[in-house]
Amino acid sequence: MADNKLEETMYFKVSKEEELNPRDVLLTVYDALEEKGYNSINQLVGYFISGDPAYITSHKQARSLIRRVERDDLIEELLVSYLKGRNNK
């Protein structure tokens, strides 16, 4: 007698990672770097140039958080924010 369960299609629900807002990620990572006493701007620039997550502290899971967003999306957020800010001056 064959086991009918082997012939059934199995369905697995894989939860999609929530989409992170690049602005929120940058602010969170910046705050975590500041709390640890790092020069936040230098650390972020080092990360953007090299892609090396070691520039980002693991404090408050900042390193794993920033790695979940593409670097180009983070840079785009910085440019958009900066250039929009210039129009207000």
N, C-alpha and C. Protein backbone atom coordinates (compact mmCIF):
# COMPACT_ATOMS: atom_id res chain seq x y z
N MET A 1 0.84 -1.18 0.00
CA MET A 1 0.00 0.00 0.00
C MET A 1 0.89 1.25 0.00
N ALA A 2 0.77 2.06 -1.02
CA ALA A 2 1.61 3.26 -1.17
C ALA A 2 1.09 4.38 -0.27
N ASP A 3 2.03 5.17 0.22
CA ASP A 3 1.67 6.31 1.06
C ASP A 3 1.24 7.45 0.14
N ASN A 4 -0.03 7.84 0.20
CA ASN A 4 -0.57 8.89 -0.67
C ASN A 4 0.05 10.25 -0.40
N LYS A 5 0.59 10.46 0.80
CA LYS A 5 1.17 11.76 1.12
C LYS A 5 2.39 12.06 0.26
N LEU A 6 3.06 11.02 -0.21
CA LEU A 6 4.23 11.24 -1.06
C LEU A 6 3.84 11.77 -2.43
N GLU A 7 2.61 11.58 -2.82
CA GLU A 7 2.15 12.02 -4.12
C GLU A 7 1.49 13.39 -4.08
N GLU A 8 1.27 13.92 -2.88
CA GLU A 8 0.64 15.23 -2.75
C GLU A 8 1.67 16.35 -2.95
N THR A 9 1.20 17.43 -3.52
CA THR A 9 2.05 18.60 -3.68
C THR A 9 2.15 19.32 -2.34
N MET A 10 3.38 19.62 -1.96
CA MET A 10 3.60 20.32 -0.70
C MET A 10 3.78 21.80 -1.00
N TYR A 11 3.18 22.63 -0.18
CA TYR A 11 3.30 24.08 -0.32
C TYR A 11 4.03 24.63 0.90
N PHE A 12 4.97 25.50 0.64
CA PHE A 12 5.71 26.14 1.71
C PHE A 12 5.52 27.64 1.58
N LYS A 13 5.19 28.25 2.68
CA LYS A 13 5.07 29.71 2.69
C LYS A 13 6.41 30.29 3.10
N VAL A 14 6.98 31.09 2.23
CA VAL A 14 8.22 31.77 2.53
C VAL A 14 7.88 33.24 2.68
N SER A 15 8.08 33.75 3.86
CA SER A 15 7.74 35.15 4.08
C SER A 15 8.78 36.03 3.39
N LYS A 16 8.28 37.00 2.69
CA LYS A 16 9.14 37.95 2.02
C LYS A 16 9.70 38.91 3.05
N GLU A 17 10.99 39.22 2.93
CA GLU A 17 11.56 40.20 3.84
C GLU A 17 10.87 41.53 3.60
N GLU A 18 10.56 42.19 4.69
CA GLU A 18 9.93 43.48 4.54
C GLU A 18 10.87 44.43 3.81
N GLU A 19 10.28 45.25 2.98
CA GLU A 19 11.10 46.21 2.24
C GLU A 19 11.48 47.34 3.18
N LEU A 20 12.75 47.61 3.23
CA LEU A 20 13.25 48.63 4.14
C LEU A 20 13.38 49.97 3.43
N ASN A 21 13.07 51.00 4.15
CA ASN A 21 13.19 52.35 3.63
C ASN A 21 14.66 52.78 3.79
N PRO A 22 15.34 53.10 2.69
CA PRO A 22 16.75 53.49 2.77
C PRO A 22 17.00 54.65 3.73
N ARG A 23 16.11 55.61 3.78
CA ARG A 23 16.27 56.75 4.68
C ARG A 23 16.28 56.29 6.13
N ASP A 24 15.34 55.44 6.49
CA ASP A 24 15.26 54.93 7.86
C ASP A 24 16.50 54.13 8.23
N VAL A 25 16.99 53.35 7.27
CA VAL A 25 18.19 52.54 7.51
C VAL A 25 19.39 53.46 7.75
N LEU A 26 19.55 54.47 6.91
CA LEU A 26 20.67 55.40 7.08
C LEU A 26 20.62 56.09 8.44
N LEU A 27 19.44 56.54 8.83
CA LEU A 27 19.31 57.24 10.12
C LEU A 27 19.59 56.30 11.29
N THR A 28 19.11 55.08 11.20
CA THR A 28 19.34 54.10 12.26
C THR A 28 20.82 53.77 12.39
N VAL A 29 21.47 53.53 11.25
CA VAL A 29 22.90 53.20 11.24
C VAL A 29 23.71 54.39 11.74
N TYR A 30 23.36 55.58 11.29
CA TYR A 30 24.05 56.79 11.74
C TYR A 30 23.97 56.91 13.26
N ASP A 31 22.77 56.74 13.81
CA ASP A 31 22.58 56.84 15.26
C ASP A 31 23.40 55.79 16.01
N ALA A 32 23.44 54.57 15.49
CA ALA A 32 24.20 53.50 16.14
C ALA A 32 25.69 53.82 16.13
N LEU A 33 26.19 54.35 15.02
CA LEU A 33 27.61 54.73 14.95
C LEU A 33 27.92 55.86 15.93
N GLU A 34 27.03 56.84 16.01
CA GLU A 34 27.22 57.95 16.94
C GLU A 34 27.24 57.45 18.38
N GLU A 35 26.31 56.57 18.72
CA GLU A 35 26.24 56.03 20.08
C GLU A 35 27.53 55.32 20.49
N LYS A 36 28.18 54.69 19.54
CA LYS A 36 29.43 53.98 19.82
C LYS A 36 30.65 54.89 19.76
N GLY A 37 30.44 56.16 19.42
CA GLY A 37 31.54 57.13 19.42
C GLY A 37 32.35 57.18 18.14
N TYR A 38 31.84 56.60 17.08
CA TYR A 38 32.55 56.64 15.80
C TYR A 38 32.27 57.95 15.06
N ASN A 39 33.14 58.30 14.11
CA ASN A 39 32.87 59.38 13.19
C ASN A 39 31.94 58.79 12.13
N SER A 40 30.66 59.04 12.30
CA SER A 40 29.63 58.38 11.49
C SER A 40 29.79 58.62 10.00
N ILE A 41 30.10 59.85 9.64
CA ILE A 41 30.23 60.18 8.22
C ILE A 41 31.40 59.41 7.61
N ASN A 42 32.55 59.41 8.28
CA ASN A 42 33.71 58.68 7.75
C ASN A 42 33.41 57.19 7.64
N GLN A 43 32.74 56.63 8.61
CA GLN A 43 32.43 55.20 8.57
C GLN A 43 31.48 54.88 7.42
N LEU A 44 30.47 55.71 7.22
CA LEU A 44 29.53 55.47 6.13
C LEU A 44 30.21 55.64 4.77
N VAL A 45 31.05 56.64 4.63
CA VAL A 45 31.78 56.84 3.37
C VAL A 45 32.66 55.62 3.09
N GLY A 46 33.35 55.14 4.11
CA GLY A 46 34.17 53.94 3.94
C GLY A 46 33.35 52.75 3.47
N TYR A 47 32.17 52.61 4.04
CA TYR A 47 31.28 51.51 3.62
C TYR A 47 30.83 51.70 2.17
N PHE A 48 30.42 52.92 1.81
CA PHE A 48 29.94 53.16 0.45
C PHE A 48 31.03 52.92 -0.58
N ILE A 49 32.23 53.34 -0.29
CA ILE A 49 33.34 53.19 -1.24
C ILE A 49 33.78 51.74 -1.37
N SER A 50 33.94 51.06 -0.24
CA SER A 50 34.52 49.72 -0.27
C SER A 50 33.49 48.58 -0.31
N GLY A 51 32.32 48.84 0.24
CA GLY A 51 31.33 47.77 0.37
C GLY A 51 31.62 46.86 1.55
N ASP A 52 32.63 47.19 2.33
CA ASP A 52 33.03 46.37 3.47
C ASP A 52 32.15 46.69 4.68
N PRO A 53 31.32 45.74 5.11
CA PRO A 53 30.42 46.01 6.23
C PRO A 53 31.15 46.20 7.57
N ALA A 54 32.45 45.93 7.61
CA ALA A 54 33.20 46.13 8.86
C ALA A 54 33.26 47.61 9.24
N TYR A 55 32.98 48.50 8.32
CA TYR A 55 32.93 49.93 8.64
C TYR A 55 31.73 50.27 9.52
N ILE A 56 30.75 49.38 9.55
CA ILE A 56 29.51 49.64 10.28
C ILE A 56 29.48 48.80 11.55
N THR A 57 29.16 49.44 12.66
CA THR A 57 29.10 48.74 13.93
C THR A 57 27.97 47.71 13.94
N SER A 58 28.13 46.69 14.75
CA SER A 58 27.06 45.72 14.91
C SER A 58 26.09 46.16 16.01
N HIS A 59 26.42 47.27 16.69
CA HIS A 59 25.54 47.83 17.72
C HIS A 59 24.16 48.08 17.15
N LYS A 60 23.15 47.63 17.86
CA LYS A 60 21.75 47.77 17.44
C LYS A 60 21.48 47.12 16.07
N GLN A 61 22.25 46.09 15.74
CA GLN A 61 22.12 45.35 14.47
C GLN A 61 22.28 46.24 13.24
N ALA A 62 23.04 47.34 13.39
CA ALA A 62 23.21 48.28 12.28
C ALA A 62 23.88 47.62 11.07
N ARG A 63 24.86 46.76 11.32
CA ARG A 63 25.58 46.11 10.22
C ARG A 63 24.64 45.21 9.41
N SER A 64 23.88 44.40 10.09
CA SER A 64 22.98 43.50 9.35
C SER A 64 21.86 44.30 8.67
N LEU A 65 21.45 45.39 9.29
CA LEU A 65 20.41 46.23 8.71
C LEU A 65 20.88 46.87 7.41
N ILE A 66 22.07 47.46 7.42
CA ILE A 66 22.55 48.17 6.23
C ILE A 66 22.83 47.19 5.08
N ARG A 67 23.16 45.96 5.42
CA ARG A 67 23.44 44.97 4.37
C ARG A 67 22.17 44.50 3.67
N ARG A 68 21.02 44.78 4.25
CA ARG A 68 19.75 44.37 3.65
C ARG A 68 19.25 45.35 2.60
N VAL A 69 19.97 46.47 2.44
CA VAL A 69 19.60 47.48 1.43
C VAL A 69 20.78 47.63 0.48
N GLU A 70 20.49 47.69 -0.80
CA GLU A 70 21.54 47.86 -1.81
C GLU A 70 22.24 49.20 -1.59
N ARG A 71 23.57 49.18 -1.74
CA ARG A 71 24.33 50.42 -1.55
C ARG A 71 23.88 51.51 -2.50
N ASP A 72 23.57 51.16 -3.74
CA ASP A 72 23.15 52.19 -4.69
C ASP A 72 21.83 52.84 -4.26
N ASP A 73 20.95 52.09 -3.60
CA ASP A 73 19.71 52.67 -3.09
C ASP A 73 19.99 53.65 -1.94
N LEU A 74 20.96 53.31 -1.11
CA LEU A 74 21.34 54.20 -0.02
C LEU A 74 21.97 55.49 -0.55
N ILE A 75 22.84 55.35 -1.54
CA ILE A 75 23.48 56.53 -2.13
C ILE A 75 22.45 57.40 -2.85
N GLU A 76 21.52 56.75 -3.53
CA GLU A 76 20.45 57.50 -4.20
C GLU A 76 19.65 58.31 -3.18
N GLU A 77 19.34 57.70 -2.06
CA GLU A 77 18.60 58.40 -1.00
C GLU A 77 19.37 59.62 -0.51
N LEU A 78 20.68 59.47 -0.33
CA LEU A 78 21.51 60.59 0.11
C LEU A 78 21.49 61.73 -0.91
N LEU A 79 21.64 61.39 -2.18
CA LEU A 79 21.66 62.41 -3.23
C LEU A 79 20.33 63.12 -3.35
N VAL A 80 19.26 62.36 -3.34
CA VAL A 80 17.93 62.97 -3.46
C VAL A 80 17.69 63.91 -2.28
N SER A 81 18.01 63.45 -1.09
CA SER A 81 17.82 64.27 0.11
C SER A 81 18.67 65.54 0.05
N TYR A 82 19.91 65.38 -0.33
CA TYR A 82 20.82 66.53 -0.41
C TYR A 82 20.35 67.54 -1.45
N LEU A 83 20.02 67.05 -2.63
CA LEU A 83 19.64 67.96 -3.71
C LEU A 83 18.29 68.63 -3.45
N LYS A 84 17.37 67.93 -2.82
CA LYS A 84 16.10 68.56 -2.45
C LYS A 84 16.33 69.63 -1.41
N GLY A 85 17.26 69.39 -0.49
CA GLY A 85 17.60 70.36 0.54
C GLY A 85 18.21 71.63 -0.03
N ARG A 86 18.93 71.49 -1.12
CA ARG A 86 19.56 72.67 -1.78
C ARG A 86 18.50 73.60 -2.34
N ASN A 87 17.40 73.03 -2.80
CA ASN A 87 16.33 73.87 -3.39
C ASN A 87 15.64 74.71 -2.34
N ASN A 88 15.74 74.33 -1.08
CA ASN A 88 15.07 75.06 -0.01
C ASN A 88 15.90 76.21 0.54
N LYS A 89 17.12 76.37 0.05
CA LYS A 89 17.99 77.44 0.57
C LYS A 89 17.86 78.70 -0.24
